[in-house]
Amino acid sequence: MKILMKSAFTKTSVQSIGPISMTLYPGLNGLVGPNGSGKSAFIQLLAHCIPLHSGSIKYELDSIVLSVSQTRQQRGYVPQDISIYDRFTVQKYLSYIAGLKLRGVKDVRNTIDFLDDFLEIRPLLNQKLGEISVGQQRIAMIAQSLIGDPRFLFYDEPFNNLDIRQRKNLLELLSVLANQSIILLSNHLVEEMRGCYDQIISMKDGTITNISSQV
């Protein structure tokens, strides 16, 4: 399993990203850099939320290069900004996202069972998203990213709005997932996670400036 980037380049309305050439393997990859360095756009590019203008990005699973549609079936993404449907209950929200991913009730149930061991989502299921805390909304967004057991996970500041206990439990969750998934997350809490990353990727002005192994 890997993500292979060769001279990957894109340009948003705010800045240019790349060209970037690198390979990501299963593990927990931290993306750090100052505000405006391009972290969010880079994650969006990998998550197929913004288009690639030149170069290439290939996603391989079991030594097979995936198509765009296959990649989308195998990716989970949580943006930095909360994006939810206020009037949906958490259960309905997860079922709706599962439908978009062409997944079923069993996939939602499996996700709830798995996530509840770490972030206690079950008590939220019958509550409306617009009536729970921002931290609880973020837990719901993390849950939707895991529906279908995806192998490519992209998180933009996932620890925002979580308390200390929730951050610790999320870190434990990510460590478990990293055994069988490629995880890329941006995070300003570098010191809190130091020693937990497999590698730290530093970014500035839309380019990768350094990749340091932590193992």
Protein backbone atom coordinates (compact mmCIF):
# COMPACT_ATOMS: atom_id res chain seq x y z
CA MET A 1 0.00 0.00 0.00
CA LYS A 2 1.36 3.43 -0.90
CA ILE A 3 0.68 6.87 -2.30
CA LEU A 4 3.20 7.90 -4.93
CA MET A 5 3.51 11.57 -5.92
CA LYS A 6 5.62 12.68 -8.86
CA SER A 7 5.97 16.44 -9.45
CA ALA A 8 2.41 16.88 -8.16
CA PHE A 9 1.30 20.50 -8.58
CA THR A 10 -1.93 22.43 -8.15
CA LYS A 11 -2.94 26.05 -7.75
CA THR A 12 -5.75 27.28 -5.56
CA SER A 13 -7.24 30.75 -5.42
CA VAL A 14 -4.89 31.47 -2.53
CA GLN A 15 -1.60 29.75 -3.34
CA SER A 16 0.31 27.16 -5.35
CA ILE A 17 1.04 23.71 -3.95
CA GLY A 18 4.09 21.82 -5.20
CA PRO A 19 5.64 20.46 -7.21
CA ILE A 20 5.89 17.62 -4.68
CA SER A 21 7.55 14.24 -5.22
CA MET A 22 7.32 11.77 -2.35
CA THR A 23 5.91 8.39 -1.31
CA LEU A 24 3.68 7.69 1.67
CA TYR A 25 3.45 4.25 3.26
CA PRO A 26 1.19 2.85 6.02
CA GLY A 27 1.72 4.70 9.26
CA LEU A 28 0.97 7.95 11.03
CA ASN A 29 2.33 10.90 9.08
CA GLY A 30 2.23 14.33 10.69
CA LEU A 31 2.05 17.43 8.49
CA VAL A 32 3.39 20.59 10.15
CA GLY A 33 4.16 24.13 9.11
CA PRO A 34 3.20 27.76 9.76
CA ASN A 35 -0.26 29.12 8.98
CA GLY A 36 -0.59 29.66 5.26
CA SER A 37 2.05 27.06 4.39
CA GLY A 38 -0.43 25.03 2.32
CA LYS A 39 -1.16 22.14 4.68
CA SER A 40 -4.94 22.21 4.19
CA ALA A 41 -4.67 22.48 0.41
CA PHE A 42 -2.17 19.61 0.30
CA ILE A 43 -4.53 17.39 2.29
CA GLN A 44 -7.45 18.43 0.07
CA LEU A 45 -5.38 17.55 -3.00
CA LEU A 46 -4.66 14.06 -1.69
CA ALA A 47 -8.30 13.60 -0.67
CA HIS A 48 -9.48 14.50 -4.21
CA CYS A 49 -11.23 17.65 -3.00
CA ILE A 50 -9.26 19.91 -5.36
CA PRO A 51 -7.89 18.99 -8.80
CA LEU A 52 -4.32 18.12 -9.69
CA HIS A 53 -3.03 20.50 -12.37
CA SER A 54 0.13 18.66 -13.35
CA GLY A 55 2.29 15.72 -12.31
CA SER A 56 0.70 12.56 -10.93
CA ILE A 57 -0.60 10.99 -7.73
CA LYS A 58 -1.05 7.22 -7.69
CA TYR A 59 -2.73 5.21 -4.95
CA GLU A 60 -1.76 1.56 -4.68
CA LEU A 61 -3.50 -1.14 -2.68
CA ASP A 62 -2.28 -4.75 -2.76
CA SER A 63 0.19 -3.68 -5.49
CA ILE A 64 -2.70 -2.56 -7.73
CA VAL A 65 -2.95 1.07 -8.88
CA LEU A 66 -6.46 2.32 -8.07
CA SER A 67 -8.69 4.38 -10.32
CA VAL A 68 -10.07 7.69 -9.04
CA SER A 69 -13.41 6.09 -8.15
CA GLN A 70 -11.67 3.18 -6.41
CA THR A 71 -9.49 5.61 -4.48
CA ARG A 72 -12.51 7.55 -3.29
CA GLN A 73 -14.00 4.32 -1.99
CA GLN A 74 -10.83 3.79 0.02
CA ARG A 75 -10.35 7.26 1.46
CA GLY A 76 -11.62 9.02 4.55
CA TYR A 77 -11.35 12.78 4.99
CA VAL A 78 -12.10 15.28 7.76
CA PRO A 79 -11.58 18.99 6.98
CA GLN A 80 -10.46 21.53 9.55
CA ASP A 81 -13.78 23.38 9.45
CA ILE A 82 -16.84 21.62 10.80
CA SER A 83 -19.18 20.64 7.96
CA ILE A 84 -22.38 18.90 9.04
CA TYR A 85 -26.15 18.82 8.52
CA ASP A 86 -27.60 20.55 11.57
CA ARG A 87 -31.01 18.87 11.43
CA PHE A 88 -29.67 15.33 10.99
CA THR A 89 -29.19 13.13 14.00
CA VAL A 90 -25.70 11.65 14.20
CA GLN A 91 -27.17 8.27 13.20
CA LYS A 92 -28.90 9.72 10.14
CA TYR A 93 -25.76 11.65 9.19
CA LEU A 94 -23.65 8.48 9.27
CA SER A 95 -26.26 6.58 7.28
CA TYR A 96 -26.40 9.39 4.71
CA ILE A 97 -22.60 9.44 4.28
CA ALA A 98 -22.59 5.64 4.03
CA GLY A 99 -25.06 5.90 1.16
CA LEU A 100 -22.82 8.36 -0.65
CA LYS A 101 -19.96 5.88 -0.23
CA LEU A 102 -22.17 3.04 -1.51
CA ARG A 103 -21.96 1.40 1.89
CA GLY A 104 -24.72 -0.15 3.95
CA VAL A 105 -26.16 -0.42 7.44
CA LYS A 106 -23.62 -3.05 8.44
CA ASP A 107 -20.74 -0.68 7.63
CA VAL A 108 -22.27 2.04 9.80
CA ARG A 109 -22.82 -0.40 12.67
CA ASN A 110 -19.25 -1.68 12.43
CA THR A 111 -17.90 1.88 12.49
CA ILE A 112 -19.96 2.77 15.55
CA ASP A 113 -18.87 -0.38 17.38
CA PHE A 114 -15.21 0.27 16.59
CA LEU A 115 -15.18 4.02 17.29
CA ASP A 116 -17.17 3.78 20.50
CA ASP A 117 -14.26 2.00 22.18
CA PHE A 118 -12.23 5.17 21.70
CA LEU A 119 -14.53 8.21 21.42
CA GLU A 120 -17.89 7.12 22.86
CA ILE A 121 -20.09 8.02 19.92
CA ARG A 122 -23.02 5.78 20.84
CA PRO A 123 -24.65 8.25 23.30
CA LEU A 124 -24.72 10.85 20.49
CA LEU A 125 -26.49 8.78 17.85
CA ASN A 126 -30.03 10.07 18.47
CA GLN A 127 -29.01 13.69 19.00
CA LYS A 128 -29.18 16.32 16.26
CA LEU A 129 -25.83 17.58 15.01
CA GLY A 130 -26.91 21.18 15.49
CA GLU A 131 -27.64 20.56 19.18
CA ILE A 132 -24.37 18.94 20.28
CA SER A 133 -21.01 20.54 21.06
CA VAL A 134 -18.43 21.35 18.39
CA GLY A 135 -16.18 18.66 19.84
CA GLN A 136 -18.98 16.10 19.53
CA GLN A 137 -19.61 17.25 15.94
CA ARG A 138 -15.95 16.60 15.19
CA ILE A 139 -16.29 13.07 16.60
CA ALA A 140 -19.22 12.53 14.21
CA MET A 141 -17.05 13.73 11.31
CA ILE A 142 -14.25 11.38 12.34
CA ALA A 143 -16.82 8.57 12.42
CA GLN A 144 -18.00 9.24 8.87
CA SER A 145 -14.40 9.14 7.65
CA LEU A 146 -14.07 5.55 8.89
CA ILE A 147 -17.18 4.10 7.25
CA GLY A 148 -16.17 1.26 4.97
CA ASP A 149 -12.79 0.70 6.64
CA PRO A 150 -10.81 2.96 4.23
CA ARG A 151 -7.05 2.61 3.81
CA PHE A 152 -6.20 6.24 3.01
CA LEU A 153 -7.09 8.68 5.80
CA PHE A 154 -6.64 12.46 5.65
CA TYR A 155 -7.28 14.66 8.68
CA ASP A 156 -6.87 18.44 8.88
CA GLU A 157 -6.40 19.48 12.53
CA PRO A 158 -8.55 16.62 13.89
CA PHE A 159 -7.69 17.43 17.52
CA ASN A 160 -9.38 20.84 17.37
CA ASN A 161 -12.29 21.28 19.82
CA LEU A 162 -11.50 18.02 21.65
CA ASP A 163 -10.67 17.94 25.36
CA ILE A 164 -7.48 16.35 26.71
CA ARG A 165 -9.07 12.94 27.26
CA GLN A 166 -10.62 12.91 23.79
CA ARG A 167 -7.32 13.93 22.20
CA LYS A 168 -5.56 11.10 24.00
CA ASN A 169 -8.21 8.61 22.86
CA LEU A 170 -8.10 9.90 19.28
CA LEU A 171 -4.34 9.50 19.26
CA GLU A 172 -4.78 5.89 20.43
CA LEU A 173 -7.34 5.35 17.66
CA LEU A 174 -5.02 6.77 15.00
CA SER A 175 -2.17 4.60 16.25
CA VAL A 176 -4.34 1.50 15.82
CA LEU A 177 -5.50 2.56 12.35
CA ALA A 178 -1.93 3.34 11.28
CA ASN A 179 -1.10 -0.35 11.42
CA GLN A 180 -3.11 -0.93 8.25
CA SER A 181 -3.72 2.53 6.77
CA ILE A 182 -1.85 5.51 5.39
CA ILE A 183 -2.75 8.43 7.64
CA LEU A 184 -1.79 12.03 6.92
CA LEU A 185 -2.85 14.65 9.43
CA SER A 186 -2.01 18.27 10.04
CA ASN A 187 -1.64 19.22 13.67
CA HIS A 188 -0.34 22.24 15.57
CA LEU A 189 -0.01 20.14 18.76
CA VAL A 190 3.37 18.82 17.66
CA GLU A 191 4.84 18.45 21.14
CA GLU A 192 1.80 16.54 22.37
CA MET A 193 2.25 13.97 19.60
CA ARG A 194 6.03 13.87 19.38
CA GLY A 195 7.16 10.26 19.43
CA CYS A 196 3.80 9.06 18.10
CA TYR A 197 4.34 9.88 14.44
CA ASP A 198 6.12 7.50 12.11
CA GLN A 199 7.35 10.57 10.28
CA ILE A 200 6.88 14.33 10.33
CA ILE A 201 6.50 16.20 7.06
CA SER A 202 7.36 19.90 7.22
CA MET A 203 5.76 22.31 4.77
CA LYS A 204 6.36 25.96 3.89
CA ASP A 205 5.15 28.15 1.03
CA GLY A 206 3.34 25.24 -0.61
CA THR A 207 6.31 22.89 -0.77
CA ILE A 208 7.73 20.09 1.37
CA THR A 209 10.86 21.32 3.16
CA ASN A 210 11.75 18.29 5.25
CA ILE A 211 10.67 14.71 6.05
CA SER A 212 11.97 13.29 9.31
CA SER A 213 11.47 9.73 10.49
CA GLN A 214 10.39 9.35 14.12
CA VAL A 215 11.03 5.61 14.47
